[in-house]
Amino acid sequence: MKPDFTDRVLDLVERIPPGQVLSYGLIAEILQDGGPRQVGRVMALEGAAVPWWRVVRADGSLPASHAINAQEHYRDERTPMRGNGSAVDMPLALWRFDDDVS
């Protein structure tokens, strides 16, 4: 990982529009650096100041410890959810980012 990886992850997360999401793996792909676990580590250690609820697992779910706190954000932002609201509807909520983010 490059030294500025943390800043780049946090900058990208701040750009995700309300009601949309990216997965940990997609963030790594966009930045062309690290992987889902490295992005997850950044979010766990440094992500409290950015809209962390907009970063989800590839299946649209959040870690159980975050799911309850995220629900209010999802309602407020009208994030598309699937089923009983336990996961984000990835095809509808996925942010179609610009190519110039890396």
Protein backbone atom coordinates (compact mmCIF):
# COMPACT_ATOMS: atom_id res chain seq x y z
CA MET A 1 0.00 0.00 0.00
CA LYS A 2 1.11 3.52 -0.70
CA PRO A 3 1.61 5.86 2.28
CA ASP A 4 -1.37 8.01 1.34
CA PHE A 5 -3.74 5.02 1.07
CA THR A 6 -5.71 6.03 4.16
CA ASP A 7 -6.26 9.57 2.87
CA ARG A 8 -7.26 8.30 -0.55
CA VAL A 9 -9.80 5.87 0.92
CA LEU A 10 -11.32 8.54 3.15
CA ASP A 11 -11.41 11.09 0.33
CA LEU A 12 -13.24 8.64 -1.92
CA VAL A 13 -15.75 7.70 0.80
CA GLU A 14 -16.51 11.39 1.33
CA ARG A 15 -17.42 11.65 -2.36
CA ILE A 16 -20.03 8.87 -2.31
CA PRO A 17 -23.37 10.65 -2.77
CA PRO A 18 -26.19 10.26 -0.23
CA GLY A 19 -28.31 7.21 -0.93
CA GLN A 20 -25.52 5.42 -2.76
CA VAL A 21 -22.79 2.99 -1.69
CA LEU A 22 -19.53 1.33 -2.69
CA SER A 23 -18.16 -1.97 -1.46
CA TYR A 24 -14.81 -2.35 0.26
CA GLY A 25 -13.50 -4.22 -2.77
CA LEU A 26 -14.71 -1.65 -5.27
CA ILE A 27 -12.95 1.10 -3.34
CA ALA A 28 -9.70 -0.86 -3.60
CA GLU A 29 -10.30 -1.41 -7.33
CA ILE A 30 -11.04 2.27 -7.96
CA LEU A 31 -7.91 3.33 -6.09
CA GLN A 32 -5.90 0.54 -7.73
CA ASP A 33 -4.34 -0.14 -4.35
CA GLY A 34 -4.87 -2.52 -1.44
CA GLY A 35 -7.83 -4.84 -1.16
CA PRO A 36 -11.13 -5.11 0.68
CA ARG A 37 -9.47 -5.93 3.99
CA GLN A 38 -7.13 -2.97 3.79
CA VAL A 39 -10.06 -0.67 3.01
CA GLY A 40 -11.96 -2.24 5.92
CA ARG A 41 -9.05 -1.58 8.24
CA VAL A 42 -8.90 2.07 7.20
CA MET A 43 -12.63 2.40 7.78
CA ALA A 44 -12.43 0.68 11.16
CA LEU A 45 -9.57 2.86 12.39
CA GLU A 46 -10.21 6.18 10.65
CA GLY A 47 -13.69 6.07 9.13
CA ALA A 48 -15.78 7.65 11.89
CA ALA A 49 -15.45 11.15 10.39
CA VAL A 50 -16.71 10.14 6.92
CA PRO A 51 -20.06 8.60 5.85
CA TRP A 52 -18.99 5.07 6.82
CA TRP A 53 -22.50 3.66 6.24
CA ARG A 54 -21.97 4.17 2.50
CA VAL A 55 -19.27 1.47 2.49
CA VAL A 56 -20.72 -2.02 2.57
CA ARG A 57 -19.80 -5.60 1.83
CA ALA A 58 -20.11 -6.79 -1.76
CA ASP A 59 -23.48 -8.40 -0.94
CA GLY A 60 -24.83 -5.09 0.41
CA SER A 61 -24.57 -5.99 4.07
CA LEU A 62 -22.72 -4.27 6.88
CA PRO A 63 -20.88 -5.87 9.78
CA ALA A 64 -23.50 -6.66 12.46
CA SER A 65 -21.95 -4.11 14.82
CA HIS A 66 -22.73 -1.32 12.32
CA ALA A 67 -26.07 -2.41 10.87
CA ILE A 68 -28.35 -0.86 13.50
CA ASN A 69 -26.58 2.51 13.45
CA ALA A 70 -26.63 2.56 9.65
CA GLN A 71 -30.40 2.02 9.35
CA GLU A 72 -31.23 5.62 10.31
CA HIS A 73 -28.77 6.95 7.72
CA TYR A 74 -30.24 4.67 5.05
CA ARG A 75 -33.77 5.88 5.85
CA ASP A 76 -32.72 9.55 5.87
CA GLU A 77 -30.84 9.21 2.57
CA ARG A 78 -33.47 6.94 0.99
CA THR A 79 -30.85 4.32 0.20
CA PRO A 80 -32.47 1.45 -1.74
CA MET A 81 -32.71 -1.59 0.52
CA ARG A 82 -33.63 -5.15 -0.28
CA GLY A 83 -35.89 -7.60 1.45
CA ASN A 84 -36.60 -6.69 5.04
CA GLY A 85 -34.13 -3.81 5.01
CA SER A 86 -31.20 -5.87 6.26
CA ALA A 87 -29.00 -5.11 3.26
CA VAL A 88 -28.50 -2.43 0.65
CA ASP A 89 -29.88 -3.21 -2.81
CA MET A 90 -26.52 -3.11 -4.61
CA PRO A 91 -27.79 -2.86 -8.21
CA LEU A 92 -29.90 0.18 -7.29
CA ALA A 93 -27.62 1.85 -4.72
CA LEU A 94 -24.19 1.32 -6.29
CA TRP A 95 -22.43 4.60 -6.99
CA ARG A 96 -21.39 4.90 -10.62
CA PHE A 97 -18.22 6.83 -9.82
CA ASP A 98 -16.24 9.05 -12.15
CA ASP A 99 -13.15 7.59 -13.74
CA ASP A 100 -10.92 10.36 -12.37
CA VAL A 101 -11.04 9.38 -8.68
CA SER A 102 -7.73 7.52 -8.43
